[in-house]
Amino acid sequence: MTEPEPTPLPDFETALAELEQIVNQMENGQQSLEEALSTFQRGMELSRLCEAGLKNAEQRVERLVSDNGAFRIEPFPQSEADE
């Protein structure tokens, strides 16, 4: 018997939209305890995914630097990205 394939992870925008829906559901307070726990678990997974996506984007940030009147793209310094 083969194992089911894992569900692909959503992209950042999809994960964030689903996370917002989860927050609304939980604020509604109409879920059973078991449903709320399951929803909370999914929310935490999405939260970690969004956090990783933001960290990845932060590491890819590039800044324009003036170089004798011309501009060049320079990688974001790692020391500033870690702050």
N, C-alpha and C. Protein backbone atom coordinates (compact mmCIF):
# COMPACT_ATOMS: atom_id res chain seq x y z
N MET A 1 0.84 -1.18 0.00
CA MET A 1 0.00 0.00 0.00
C MET A 1 0.88 1.24 0.00
N THR A 2 0.60 2.18 -0.86
CA THR A 2 1.41 3.39 -0.94
C THR A 2 0.83 4.48 -0.05
N GLU A 3 1.73 5.33 0.43
CA GLU A 3 1.31 6.46 1.27
C GLU A 3 0.73 7.55 0.39
N PRO A 4 -0.28 8.28 0.90
CA PRO A 4 -0.81 9.40 0.11
C PRO A 4 0.24 10.49 -0.04
N GLU A 5 0.20 11.15 -1.18
CA GLU A 5 1.16 12.22 -1.41
C GLU A 5 0.83 13.40 -0.51
N PRO A 6 1.86 14.08 0.02
CA PRO A 6 1.60 15.22 0.89
C PRO A 6 0.93 16.35 0.11
N THR A 7 0.08 17.09 0.81
CA THR A 7 -0.57 18.23 0.21
C THR A 7 0.47 19.30 -0.07
N PRO A 8 0.50 19.85 -1.28
CA PRO A 8 1.49 20.89 -1.57
C PRO A 8 1.24 22.13 -0.70
N LEU A 9 2.32 22.77 -0.32
CA LEU A 9 2.20 23.97 0.50
C LEU A 9 1.71 25.13 -0.36
N PRO A 10 0.81 25.94 0.19
CA PRO A 10 0.33 27.09 -0.58
C PRO A 10 1.39 28.18 -0.67
N ASP A 11 1.23 29.07 -1.63
CA ASP A 11 2.15 30.20 -1.70
C ASP A 11 1.79 31.18 -0.57
N PHE A 12 2.62 32.19 -0.38
CA PHE A 12 2.46 33.11 0.74
C PHE A 12 1.08 33.75 0.77
N GLU A 13 0.63 34.28 -0.36
CA GLU A 13 -0.64 35.00 -0.40
C GLU A 13 -1.81 34.07 -0.09
N THR A 14 -1.77 32.85 -0.61
CA THR A 14 -2.83 31.88 -0.34
C THR A 14 -2.83 31.49 1.13
N ALA A 15 -1.64 31.25 1.68
CA ALA A 15 -1.52 30.89 3.09
C ALA A 15 -2.03 32.01 3.99
N LEU A 16 -1.69 33.25 3.66
CA LEU A 16 -2.13 34.38 4.45
C LEU A 16 -3.65 34.54 4.41
N ALA A 17 -4.24 34.37 3.23
CA ALA A 17 -5.70 34.46 3.09
C ALA A 17 -6.38 33.37 3.91
N GLU A 18 -5.85 32.14 3.85
CA GLU A 18 -6.43 31.05 4.64
C GLU A 18 -6.27 31.32 6.13
N LEU A 19 -5.13 31.86 6.52
CA LEU A 19 -4.90 32.19 7.92
C LEU A 19 -5.89 33.24 8.41
N GLU A 20 -6.18 34.23 7.57
CA GLU A 20 -7.18 35.24 7.93
C GLU A 20 -8.56 34.61 8.12
N GLN A 21 -8.91 33.66 7.25
CA GLN A 21 -10.19 32.95 7.39
C GLN A 21 -10.24 32.17 8.71
N ILE A 22 -9.13 31.55 9.05
CA ILE A 22 -9.06 30.77 10.29
C ILE A 22 -9.25 31.69 11.50
N VAL A 23 -8.60 32.84 11.48
CA VAL A 23 -8.75 33.80 12.58
C VAL A 23 -10.22 34.19 12.73
N ASN A 24 -10.87 34.48 11.61
CA ASN A 24 -12.29 34.84 11.65
C ASN A 24 -13.15 33.71 12.21
N GLN A 25 -12.87 32.47 11.79
CA GLN A 25 -13.61 31.32 12.30
C GLN A 25 -13.44 31.18 13.81
N MET A 26 -12.21 31.34 14.27
CA MET A 26 -11.95 31.16 15.70
C MET A 26 -12.54 32.31 16.52
N GLU A 27 -12.52 33.50 15.97
CA GLU A 27 -13.13 34.63 16.68
C GLU A 27 -14.65 34.47 16.76
N ASN A 28 -15.23 33.81 15.77
CA ASN A 28 -16.66 33.55 15.74
C ASN A 28 -17.10 32.72 16.94
N GLY A 29 -16.26 31.78 17.35
CA GLY A 29 -16.54 30.97 18.54
C GLY A 29 -17.63 29.93 18.35
N GLN A 30 -17.97 29.59 17.13
CA GLN A 30 -19.04 28.64 16.86
C GLN A 30 -18.54 27.22 16.61
N GLN A 31 -17.26 26.96 16.82
CA GLN A 31 -16.70 25.63 16.56
C GLN A 31 -16.72 24.80 17.84
N SER A 32 -16.81 23.49 17.64
CA SER A 32 -16.65 22.59 18.78
C SER A 32 -15.18 22.63 19.21
N LEU A 33 -14.91 22.08 20.36
CA LEU A 33 -13.53 22.06 20.87
C LEU A 33 -12.62 21.33 19.89
N GLU A 34 -13.06 20.20 19.38
CA GLU A 34 -12.23 19.42 18.45
C GLU A 34 -11.98 20.19 17.16
N GLU A 35 -13.02 20.84 16.64
CA GLU A 35 -12.85 21.65 15.43
C GLU A 35 -11.91 22.82 15.69
N ALA A 36 -12.05 23.46 16.84
CA ALA A 36 -11.19 24.59 17.19
C ALA A 36 -9.73 24.16 17.29
N LEU A 37 -9.49 22.99 17.88
CA LEU A 37 -8.11 22.49 18.00
C LEU A 37 -7.52 22.19 16.62
N SER A 38 -8.31 21.58 15.77
CA SER A 38 -7.86 21.28 14.41
C SER A 38 -7.59 22.58 13.63
N THR A 39 -8.50 23.53 13.77
CA THR A 39 -8.34 24.82 13.09
C THR A 39 -7.11 25.55 13.61
N PHE A 40 -6.90 25.50 14.93
CA PHE A 40 -5.73 26.14 15.52
C PHE A 40 -4.44 25.51 15.00
N GLN A 41 -4.43 24.18 14.89
CA GLN A 41 -3.24 23.49 14.38
C GLN A 41 -2.94 23.93 12.95
N ARG A 42 -3.96 23.99 12.11
CA ARG A 42 -3.76 24.43 10.72
C ARG A 42 -3.28 25.88 10.70
N GLY A 43 -3.83 26.71 11.57
CA GLY A 43 -3.40 28.11 11.66
C GLY A 43 -1.93 28.23 12.02
N MET A 44 -1.48 27.40 12.94
CA MET A 44 -0.06 27.44 13.32
C MET A 44 0.83 27.00 12.17
N GLU A 45 0.40 26.00 11.41
CA GLU A 45 1.17 25.57 10.23
C GLU A 45 1.28 26.71 9.22
N LEU A 46 0.15 27.37 8.98
CA LEU A 46 0.15 28.48 8.03
C LEU A 46 0.97 29.65 8.54
N SER A 47 0.90 29.89 9.84
CA SER A 47 1.69 30.97 10.45
C SER A 47 3.18 30.74 10.24
N ARG A 48 3.62 29.50 10.46
CA ARG A 48 5.04 29.17 10.25
C ARG A 48 5.42 29.32 8.78
N LEU A 49 4.52 28.91 7.90
CA LEU A 49 4.78 29.05 6.46
C LEU A 49 4.91 30.52 6.08
N CYS A 50 4.01 31.35 6.58
CA CYS A 50 4.07 32.79 6.28
C CYS A 50 5.34 33.41 6.86
N GLU A 51 5.69 33.01 8.07
CA GLU A 51 6.91 33.54 8.69
C GLU A 51 8.13 33.18 7.86
N ALA A 52 8.20 31.95 7.39
CA ALA A 52 9.32 31.52 6.55
C ALA A 52 9.33 32.29 5.23
N GLY A 53 8.15 32.52 4.66
CA GLY A 53 8.06 33.28 3.42
C GLY A 53 8.55 34.71 3.60
N LEU A 54 8.19 35.33 4.71
CA LEU A 54 8.66 36.69 4.98
C LEU A 54 10.17 36.73 5.20
N LYS A 55 10.68 35.74 5.91
CA LYS A 55 12.13 35.67 6.15
C LYS A 55 12.87 35.51 4.82
N ASN A 56 12.34 34.66 3.96
CA ASN A 56 12.94 34.45 2.65
C ASN A 56 12.93 35.74 1.85
N ALA A 57 11.80 36.44 1.86
CA ALA A 57 11.69 37.71 1.12
C ALA A 57 12.66 38.74 1.69
N GLU A 58 12.78 38.78 3.00
CA GLU A 58 13.70 39.72 3.63
C GLU A 58 15.14 39.46 3.18
N GLN A 59 15.50 38.20 3.09
CA GLN A 59 16.85 37.84 2.68
C GLN A 59 17.11 38.18 1.21
N ARG A 60 16.05 38.29 0.42
CA ARG A 60 16.21 38.59 -1.01
C ARG A 60 16.13 40.09 -1.32
N VAL A 61 15.85 40.85 -0.29
CA VAL A 61 15.73 42.29 -0.52
C VAL A 61 17.06 42.84 -1.04
N GLU A 62 16.93 43.65 -2.06
CA GLU A 62 18.12 44.29 -2.60
C GLU A 62 17.93 45.79 -2.50
N ARG A 63 19.01 46.50 -2.34
CA ARG A 63 18.86 47.94 -2.23
C ARG A 63 19.65 48.64 -3.33
N LEU A 64 19.09 49.72 -3.77
CA LEU A 64 19.79 50.54 -4.77
C LEU A 64 20.79 51.43 -4.05
N VAL A 65 21.97 51.48 -4.59
CA VAL A 65 23.03 52.28 -3.99
C VAL A 65 23.59 53.23 -5.04
N SER A 66 23.71 54.47 -4.66
CA SER A 66 24.26 55.45 -5.58
C SER A 66 25.76 55.20 -5.74
N ASP A 67 26.21 55.17 -6.97
CA ASP A 67 27.63 54.93 -7.26
C ASP A 67 28.06 55.94 -8.32
N ASN A 68 28.55 57.10 -7.87
CA ASN A 68 28.98 58.16 -8.77
C ASN A 68 27.87 58.56 -9.74
N GLY A 69 26.68 58.77 -9.22
CA GLY A 69 25.57 59.22 -10.05
C GLY A 69 24.82 58.10 -10.74
N ALA A 70 25.38 56.90 -10.77
CA ALA A 70 24.70 55.75 -11.37
C ALA A 70 24.15 54.88 -10.24
N PHE A 71 23.22 54.05 -10.55
CA PHE A 71 22.67 53.15 -9.53
C PHE A 71 23.04 51.72 -9.88
N ARG A 72 23.29 50.96 -8.86
CA ARG A 72 23.54 49.53 -9.04
C ARG A 72 22.74 48.78 -7.98
N ILE A 73 22.43 47.55 -8.24
CA ILE A 73 21.71 46.73 -7.27
C ILE A 73 22.75 46.00 -6.43
N GLU A 74 22.55 46.08 -5.13
CA GLU A 74 23.48 45.47 -4.19
C GLU A 74 22.69 44.58 -3.24
N PRO A 75 23.15 43.36 -2.96
CA PRO A 75 22.42 42.49 -2.03
C PRO A 75 22.27 43.14 -0.66
N PHE A 76 21.17 42.84 0.00
CA PHE A 76 20.93 43.34 1.35
C PHE A 76 21.98 42.73 2.26
N PRO A 77 22.71 43.52 3.06
CA PRO A 77 23.75 42.97 3.92
C PRO A 77 23.16 41.95 4.90
N GLN A 78 23.81 40.82 5.05
CA GLN A 78 23.32 39.73 5.92
C GLN A 78 23.21 40.20 7.37
N SER A 79 24.16 41.02 7.85
CA SER A 79 24.11 41.44 9.24
C SER A 79 22.85 42.24 9.54
N GLU A 80 22.36 43.05 8.60
CA GLU A 80 21.14 43.81 8.80
C GLU A 80 19.92 42.90 8.69
N ALA A 81 19.98 41.87 7.88
CA ALA A 81 18.85 40.95 7.71
C ALA A 81 18.61 40.13 8.97
N ASP A 82 19.66 39.92 9.77
CA ASP A 82 19.53 39.10 10.98
C ASP A 82 18.94 39.87 12.16
N GLU A 83 18.86 41.20 12.05
CA GLU A 83 18.39 42.00 13.18
C GLU A 83 16.93 41.84 13.41
